[in-house]
Amino acid sequence: MNKQFTFLFFTLLGFISLRVSAQSDLKRSAPSAPYSVGLQLGTTGAGIQLARVLTPDSRLVGRVGVSYFAYNQPFQVKAGEGKLHITPDLVMGIALASVKWHPFKTNPFFLTGGAGYTWRPDLKANLIAEGDVKFGGLQISEENVGVIHANVRWRNVLGYAGLGYGRSTPVRRLGFAVELGCYYLGSPTVDLHYTGFLETTTIDEQIPVIQNNLRNYRFLPSLQFLVTYGLFRGK
């Protein structure tokens, strides 16, 4: 995850460096629209965003928005002579309120920070065996494997920080922006329910170890592309 975030960070910096030299005289002189509505698409799904200029120089902008992403496509993993059928249940719905700051008056580069709320801060999965499978070198028949229900859960309230290029309230009627950020989720907790051979093991005693191994999965990188439309623009 850290390597992916580093790659996205330098990709965004490269994009910014190419665009800085292309600033037009219009952007230097014309004010931004006071309000805007935008559509976003990225790694946390699709969403909508509303923005309002907070200062006369348009360098401070308030935003509220929501995004949604879901994934539940089953897949298989080979385990010995058999397979494990895994059905994930991932829903990523985020409501975010943030403030953007443009450090340079004539440059659309911005820094942003805020807080969000997610109503489904978890990743669920059901595991069912097909054929004999192996766990730690132990061969187990299909009927003895049973069903495993796993749930990894983060907290509902999220922190957010990011940077990007583009204006939420465009100078022209239509604007574009790209934003690279990161959500802070907190350390996850793990919950397991199962039938079959796992009921005869001490796997419950290993849950704290599993949670400790997952403690670094506290951050969710986000890359978003936005199209914005200015509202209530003066003549």
Protein backbone atom coordinates (compact mmCIF):
# COMPACT_ATOMS: atom_id res chain seq x y z
CA MET A 1 0.00 0.00 0.00
CA ASN A 2 2.89 2.40 0.83
CA LYS A 3 4.53 1.73 -2.57
CA GLN A 4 1.23 2.45 -4.34
CA PHE A 5 0.80 5.68 -2.40
CA THR A 6 4.37 6.79 -3.26
CA PHE A 7 3.75 6.08 -6.95
CA LEU A 8 0.49 8.06 -6.92
CA PHE A 9 2.19 10.94 -5.08
CA PHE A 10 4.97 11.36 -7.63
CA THR A 11 2.54 10.89 -10.52
CA LEU A 12 0.49 13.81 -9.19
CA LEU A 13 3.59 15.97 -8.71
CA GLY A 14 4.56 15.29 -12.32
CA PHE A 15 1.10 16.30 -13.48
CA ILE A 16 1.29 19.53 -11.47
CA SER A 17 4.71 20.46 -12.84
CA LEU A 18 3.46 20.07 -16.41
CA ARG A 19 0.40 22.22 -15.80
CA VAL A 20 2.00 25.06 -13.82
CA SER A 21 3.61 26.51 -16.96
CA ALA A 22 0.24 26.58 -18.75
CA GLN A 23 -1.55 29.11 -16.52
CA SER A 24 -3.67 31.50 -18.60
CA ASP A 25 -4.19 35.25 -18.18
CA LEU A 26 -7.88 34.54 -17.61
CA LYS A 27 -7.16 32.51 -14.48
CA ARG A 28 -4.96 35.34 -13.17
CA SER A 29 -7.63 37.99 -13.51
CA ALA A 30 -11.10 36.42 -13.40
CA PRO A 31 -12.70 35.40 -10.09
CA SER A 32 -13.91 31.89 -9.39
CA ALA A 33 -17.60 31.03 -9.24
CA PRO A 34 -18.91 31.37 -5.65
CA TYR A 35 -20.45 27.88 -5.66
CA SER A 36 -20.03 24.71 -7.67
CA VAL A 37 -21.27 21.16 -8.00
CA GLY A 38 -18.93 18.40 -9.08
CA LEU A 39 -18.75 14.75 -10.03
CA GLN A 40 -15.83 12.64 -8.85
CA LEU A 41 -14.46 9.25 -9.82
CA GLY A 42 -11.54 7.43 -8.26
CA THR A 43 -10.26 4.69 -6.02
CA THR A 44 -13.03 5.20 -3.44
CA GLY A 45 -15.75 5.02 -6.07
CA ALA A 46 -18.02 7.57 -7.70
CA GLY A 47 -19.53 10.54 -5.93
CA ILE A 48 -20.86 14.08 -5.91
CA GLN A 49 -19.40 17.18 -4.29
CA LEU A 50 -20.64 20.67 -3.42
CA ALA A 51 -18.21 23.55 -2.87
CA ARG A 52 -18.39 27.16 -1.67
CA VAL A 53 -15.76 29.91 -1.73
CA LEU A 54 -15.01 31.08 1.83
CA THR A 55 -12.76 34.11 1.18
CA PRO A 56 -12.87 37.01 -1.32
CA ASP A 57 -9.65 35.88 -3.01
CA SER A 58 -11.09 32.34 -3.55
CA ARG A 59 -8.05 30.75 -1.90
CA LEU A 60 -10.10 29.06 0.82
CA VAL A 61 -12.93 26.73 -0.23
CA GLY A 62 -15.29 24.59 1.84
CA ARG A 63 -16.52 21.26 0.45
CA VAL A 64 -19.01 18.53 1.33
CA GLY A 65 -19.47 15.35 -0.65
CA VAL A 66 -20.29 11.67 -0.70
CA SER A 67 -18.76 8.73 -2.58
CA TYR A 68 -19.75 5.10 -2.94
CA PHE A 69 -18.05 1.88 -4.01
CA ALA A 70 -19.15 -1.76 -3.67
CA TYR A 71 -17.56 -5.10 -4.56
CA ASN A 72 -19.03 -8.57 -4.00
CA GLN A 73 -17.71 -10.75 -6.84
CA PRO A 74 -16.86 -14.29 -5.61
CA PHE A 75 -13.47 -15.83 -6.38
CA GLN A 76 -11.60 -19.08 -5.64
CA VAL A 77 -8.29 -19.91 -3.97
CA LYS A 78 -6.60 -23.29 -4.40
CA ALA A 79 -5.92 -25.09 -1.10
CA GLY A 80 -4.38 -28.54 -1.47
CA GLU A 81 -6.52 -30.74 -3.70
CA GLY A 82 -9.57 -28.56 -3.20
CA LYS A 83 -10.59 -24.94 -3.41
CA LEU A 84 -11.90 -22.25 -1.12
CA HIS A 85 -14.83 -20.25 -2.45
CA ILE A 86 -14.54 -16.72 -1.08
CA THR A 87 -17.43 -14.26 -1.29
CA PRO A 88 -16.36 -10.74 -0.27
CA ASP A 89 -18.77 -8.06 0.89
CA LEU A 90 -17.12 -4.66 0.58
CA VAL A 91 -19.13 -1.44 0.67
CA MET A 92 -17.23 1.83 0.84
CA GLY A 93 -19.58 4.74 1.45
CA ILE A 94 -17.94 7.94 2.68
CA ALA A 95 -19.40 11.35 3.53
CA LEU A 96 -16.64 13.97 3.73
CA ALA A 97 -16.45 17.62 4.80
CA SER A 98 -13.17 19.37 4.01
CA VAL A 99 -11.47 22.71 3.46
CA LYS A 100 -9.17 23.45 0.51
CA TRP A 101 -6.40 26.03 0.66
CA HIS A 102 -4.68 27.41 -2.45
CA PRO A 103 -1.24 28.67 -1.26
CA PHE A 104 -0.68 30.57 -4.51
CA LYS A 105 -3.29 33.03 -5.74
CA THR A 106 -2.77 32.35 -9.47
CA ASN A 107 -1.99 28.63 -9.22
CA PRO A 108 -4.69 25.93 -8.82
CA PHE A 109 -2.41 23.76 -6.65
CA PHE A 110 -4.10 23.12 -3.28
CA LEU A 111 -3.78 21.45 0.10
CA THR A 112 -6.83 20.03 1.84
CA GLY A 113 -7.90 18.47 5.11
CA GLY A 114 -11.13 17.35 6.71
CA ALA A 115 -13.13 14.65 8.43
CA GLY A 116 -15.47 12.00 7.13
CA TYR A 117 -17.97 9.37 8.18
CA THR A 118 -18.48 5.90 6.73
CA TRP A 119 -21.57 3.85 7.53
CA ARG A 120 -19.95 0.53 6.53
CA PRO A 121 -16.35 0.63 7.81
CA ASP A 122 -15.71 -3.08 7.34
CA LEU A 123 -14.70 -5.84 4.96
CA LYS A 124 -16.68 -9.07 5.25
CA ALA A 125 -16.05 -12.43 3.60
CA ASN A 126 -17.56 -15.93 3.64
CA LEU A 127 -15.32 -18.95 2.96
CA ILE A 128 -16.71 -22.33 1.87
CA ALA A 129 -14.63 -25.36 0.85
CA GLU A 130 -14.94 -27.47 -2.29
CA GLY A 131 -13.02 -30.73 -2.06
CA ASP A 132 -10.31 -31.64 0.46
CA VAL A 133 -8.22 -28.66 1.53
CA LYS A 134 -4.97 -28.17 3.43
CA PHE A 135 -4.45 -25.88 6.41
CA GLY A 136 -0.90 -25.76 7.74
CA GLY A 137 -0.11 -29.16 6.21
CA LEU A 138 -3.27 -30.74 7.62
CA GLN A 139 -5.58 -32.40 5.07
CA ILE A 140 -9.25 -31.72 5.87
CA SER A 141 -12.29 -33.08 4.06
CA GLU A 142 -14.86 -30.76 2.56
CA GLU A 143 -17.61 -31.66 5.03
CA ASN A 144 -15.33 -30.98 8.01
CA VAL A 145 -14.16 -27.56 6.87
CA GLY A 146 -17.53 -25.93 7.49
CA VAL A 147 -18.17 -22.25 6.82
CA ILE A 148 -16.01 -19.33 7.92
CA HIS A 149 -17.42 -15.81 8.32
CA ALA A 150 -14.69 -13.16 8.68
CA ASN A 151 -15.17 -9.47 9.42
CA VAL A 152 -12.44 -6.81 9.56
CA ARG A 153 -13.80 -3.53 10.91
CA TRP A 154 -12.43 0.01 11.17
CA ARG A 155 -13.90 3.02 12.95
CA ASN A 156 -16.75 5.09 11.52
CA VAL A 157 -15.12 8.53 11.83
CA LEU A 158 -12.22 9.19 9.45
CA GLY A 159 -9.53 11.81 9.13
CA TYR A 160 -8.45 13.05 5.70
CA ALA A 161 -5.55 15.03 4.22
CA GLY A 162 -4.48 15.53 0.64
CA LEU A 163 -3.17 17.75 -2.14
CA GLY A 164 -4.14 18.33 -5.73
CA TYR A 165 -4.40 20.54 -8.77
CA GLY A 166 -7.55 22.30 -9.92
CA ARG A 167 -10.27 24.54 -8.52
CA SER A 168 -13.46 23.26 -6.94
CA THR A 169 -15.11 26.54 -7.98
CA PRO A 170 -13.83 27.06 -11.53
CA VAL A 171 -12.94 30.35 -13.22
CA ARG A 172 -14.75 29.23 -16.34
CA ARG A 173 -18.11 27.50 -16.14
CA LEU A 174 -16.51 24.04 -16.29
CA GLY A 175 -13.42 22.93 -14.38
CA PHE A 176 -11.29 19.85 -13.86
CA ALA A 177 -9.20 18.70 -10.91
CA VAL A 178 -7.12 15.78 -9.69
CA GLU A 179 -6.62 15.04 -6.00
CA LEU A 180 -4.34 12.64 -4.14
CA GLY A 181 -5.11 12.07 -0.47
CA CYS A 182 -5.22 9.60 2.35
CA TYR A 183 -7.89 8.62 4.89
CA TYR A 184 -6.92 7.66 8.43
CA LEU A 185 -9.09 4.70 9.47
CA GLY A 186 -7.61 3.68 12.81
CA SER A 187 -6.44 0.15 13.61
CA PRO A 188 -8.88 -2.59 12.54
CA THR A 189 -10.55 -5.21 14.72
CA VAL A 190 -11.15 -8.80 13.58
CA ASP A 191 -14.22 -10.95 14.20
CA LEU A 192 -14.49 -14.62 13.18
CA HIS A 193 -17.49 -16.98 13.23
CA TYR A 194 -17.13 -20.53 11.96
CA THR A 195 -18.40 -24.07 11.93
CA GLY A 196 -16.56 -27.34 11.33
CA PHE A 197 -13.00 -28.20 12.33
CA LEU A 198 -12.12 -24.66 13.49
CA GLU A 199 -14.46 -25.16 16.44
CA THR A 200 -11.96 -27.69 17.81
CA THR A 201 -8.99 -25.29 17.56
CA THR A 202 -7.72 -22.37 19.64
CA ILE A 203 -7.98 -19.90 16.76
CA ASP A 204 -9.90 -17.43 18.95
CA GLU A 205 -6.73 -17.02 20.99
CA GLN A 206 -4.91 -15.95 17.81
CA ILE A 207 -7.28 -13.09 16.99
CA PRO A 208 -5.21 -10.53 18.98
CA VAL A 209 -2.16 -11.66 17.00
CA ILE A 210 -4.06 -11.24 13.72
CA GLN A 211 -5.19 -7.76 14.76
CA ASN A 212 -1.64 -6.82 15.67
CA ASN A 213 -0.43 -7.97 12.24
CA LEU A 214 -3.09 -5.77 10.62
CA ARG A 215 -2.37 -2.69 12.71
CA ASN A 216 -0.52 -0.92 9.88
CA TYR A 217 -3.62 -1.08 7.66
CA ARG A 218 -4.81 2.21 9.13
CA PHE A 219 -4.53 4.30 5.99
CA LEU A 220 -6.56 4.30 2.78
CA PRO A 221 -4.91 6.13 -0.17
CA SER A 222 -7.30 7.97 -2.46
CA LEU A 223 -6.86 9.25 -6.02
CA GLN A 224 -9.80 11.24 -7.39
CA PHE A 225 -10.58 12.95 -10.67
CA LEU A 226 -13.21 15.69 -10.57
CA VAL A 227 -15.33 17.62 -13.06
CA THR A 228 -16.86 20.77 -11.56
CA TYR A 229 -19.53 23.18 -12.75
CA GLY A 230 -19.63 26.76 -11.46
CA LEU A 231 -22.92 28.08 -10.05
CA PHE A 232 -24.33 31.61 -9.54
CA ARG A 233 -21.53 33.22 -11.47
CA GLY A 234 -21.79 37.01 -11.85
CA LYS A 235 -22.08 38.69 -15.20
